[in-house]
Amino acid sequence: MSAADAEADLSEDERAGLELIRGTGGIHQSDFWKELDVSSRKGSRIAESLEELDLIQREDTVYNGHNTYFLQPATRDLQFSLLMAGDMLSPFIGEEEINPQSNAFSQWLMNLAYEEY
């Protein structure tokens, strides 16, 4: 099952939990269920379900002196082909800033526009 298919089948609580985790970039499970306004048991079930669907990652941690999990969005396989225009990688990939009016960006856009599908 793809991540998109898994997301389509989420319950309302699971969807809210996933949005919370994605929106925060990561949250401790002990705060997660409080933010969702559900019991700790229900919060744990939601987190476990999202993890089983590979939508989040749960990592053991200690927070405020208690064992808990840190919940964060799952990393997905990147589709590098989306960054390509012909044989050119997007000039925005890298550590230096690129001016959108630069020749490198213009050339990349031209390659993208004239790419054959």
Protein backbone atom coordinates (compact mmCIF):
# COMPACT_ATOMS: atom_id res chain seq x y z
CA MET A 1 0.00 0.00 0.00
CA SER A 2 1.37 3.40 -0.93
CA ALA A 3 1.55 6.27 1.54
CA ALA A 4 -1.20 8.07 -0.40
CA ASP A 5 -3.47 5.01 -0.14
CA ALA A 6 -2.70 4.67 3.56
CA GLU A 7 -3.55 8.35 4.13
CA ALA A 8 -6.86 8.00 2.28
CA ASP A 9 -7.99 5.32 4.75
CA LEU A 10 -7.11 7.19 7.96
CA SER A 11 -9.70 7.81 10.65
CA GLU A 12 -10.44 11.39 11.65
CA ASP A 13 -8.24 11.03 14.77
CA GLU A 14 -5.38 9.47 12.79
CA ARG A 15 -5.56 12.25 10.19
CA ALA A 16 -5.50 14.90 12.95
CA GLY A 17 -2.53 13.14 14.54
CA LEU A 18 -0.62 12.97 11.26
CA GLU A 19 -1.30 16.65 10.58
CA LEU A 20 -0.08 17.54 14.08
CA ILE A 21 3.14 15.57 13.62
CA ARG A 22 3.77 17.04 10.18
CA GLY A 23 2.86 20.54 11.33
CA THR A 24 5.25 20.45 14.27
CA GLY A 25 7.97 18.52 12.46
CA GLY A 26 8.03 16.20 15.45
CA ILE A 27 6.45 15.94 18.89
CA HIS A 28 6.87 13.85 22.02
CA GLN A 29 4.13 11.26 22.39
CA SER A 30 3.39 12.56 25.89
CA ASP A 31 2.48 15.95 24.34
CA PHE A 32 0.90 14.40 21.24
CA TRP A 33 -2.14 12.93 22.96
CA LYS A 34 -2.64 16.09 25.04
CA GLU A 35 -2.62 18.25 21.90
CA LEU A 36 -5.14 15.91 20.26
CA ASP A 37 -7.27 15.99 23.44
CA VAL A 38 -7.47 12.20 23.67
CA SER A 39 -6.45 9.72 26.36
CA SER A 40 -2.83 8.56 26.51
CA ARG A 41 -4.02 5.08 25.53
CA LYS A 42 -5.85 6.36 22.45
CA GLY A 43 -2.88 8.60 21.58
CA SER A 44 -0.59 5.56 21.73
CA ARG A 45 -2.92 3.58 19.44
CA ILE A 46 -3.02 6.45 16.95
CA ALA A 47 0.78 6.75 16.94
CA GLU A 48 1.22 2.97 16.58
CA SER A 49 -1.24 2.89 13.68
CA LEU A 50 0.53 5.74 11.88
CA GLU A 51 3.87 4.01 12.41
CA GLU A 52 2.56 0.69 11.04
CA LEU A 53 1.44 2.55 7.91
CA ASP A 54 4.97 4.04 7.58
CA LEU A 55 3.57 7.57 7.83
CA ILE A 56 5.60 8.44 10.95
CA GLN A 57 8.66 7.26 12.82
CA ARG A 58 8.66 6.61 16.59
CA GLU A 59 11.95 6.83 18.44
CA ASP A 60 12.47 5.90 22.10
CA THR A 61 13.48 8.90 24.17
CA VAL A 62 13.40 10.37 27.66
CA TYR A 63 11.42 13.59 28.04
CA ASN A 64 10.82 15.43 31.34
CA GLY A 65 12.34 12.46 33.14
CA HIS A 66 9.95 9.90 31.61
CA ASN A 67 10.37 7.31 28.88
CA THR A 68 8.31 8.21 25.85
CA TYR A 69 8.56 8.32 22.07
CA PHE A 70 9.47 11.14 19.75
CA LEU A 71 7.09 11.10 16.79
CA GLN A 72 8.21 12.61 13.51
CA PRO A 73 7.08 12.49 9.89
CA ALA A 74 8.41 9.50 7.95
CA THR A 75 11.15 10.19 5.49
CA ARG A 76 10.09 9.27 2.01
CA ASP A 77 12.11 8.15 -0.96
CA LEU A 78 12.86 11.23 -2.98
CA GLN A 79 12.10 11.24 -6.68
CA PHE A 80 15.18 12.96 -8.02
CA SER A 81 13.72 12.85 -11.52
CA LEU A 82 11.45 15.72 -10.42
CA LEU A 83 14.56 17.88 -10.05
CA MET A 84 15.82 17.11 -13.53
CA ALA A 85 15.29 18.94 -16.79
CA GLY A 86 16.87 16.80 -19.48
CA ASP A 87 20.27 15.97 -18.06
CA MET A 88 20.44 19.11 -15.88
CA LEU A 89 19.84 19.04 -12.14
CA SER A 90 17.89 22.01 -10.78
CA PRO A 91 20.29 24.87 -9.99
CA PHE A 92 18.44 25.36 -6.69
CA ILE A 93 19.93 22.11 -5.36
CA GLY A 94 23.11 22.94 -3.52
CA GLU A 95 24.48 25.14 -0.83
CA GLU A 96 24.83 28.44 -2.66
CA GLU A 97 21.98 30.82 -3.33
CA ILE A 98 20.76 31.00 -6.91
CA ASN A 99 19.21 34.08 -8.45
CA PRO A 100 15.97 33.07 -10.26
CA GLN A 101 17.04 35.41 -13.07
CA SER A 102 20.37 33.63 -13.53
CA ASN A 103 21.45 31.94 -16.73
CA ALA A 104 21.64 28.56 -14.96
CA PHE A 105 17.99 28.76 -13.92
CA SER A 106 16.90 30.02 -17.36
CA GLN A 107 18.73 27.15 -19.07
CA TRP A 108 17.20 24.62 -16.68
CA LEU A 109 13.71 26.01 -17.38
CA MET A 110 14.32 25.88 -21.14
CA ASN A 111 15.40 22.24 -20.86
CA LEU A 112 12.30 21.52 -18.81
CA ALA A 113 10.00 23.26 -21.29
CA TYR A 114 11.42 21.43 -24.31
CA GLU A 115 11.80 18.05 -22.67
CA GLU A 116 10.16 15.22 -24.62
CA TYR A 117 7.81 12.94 -22.74
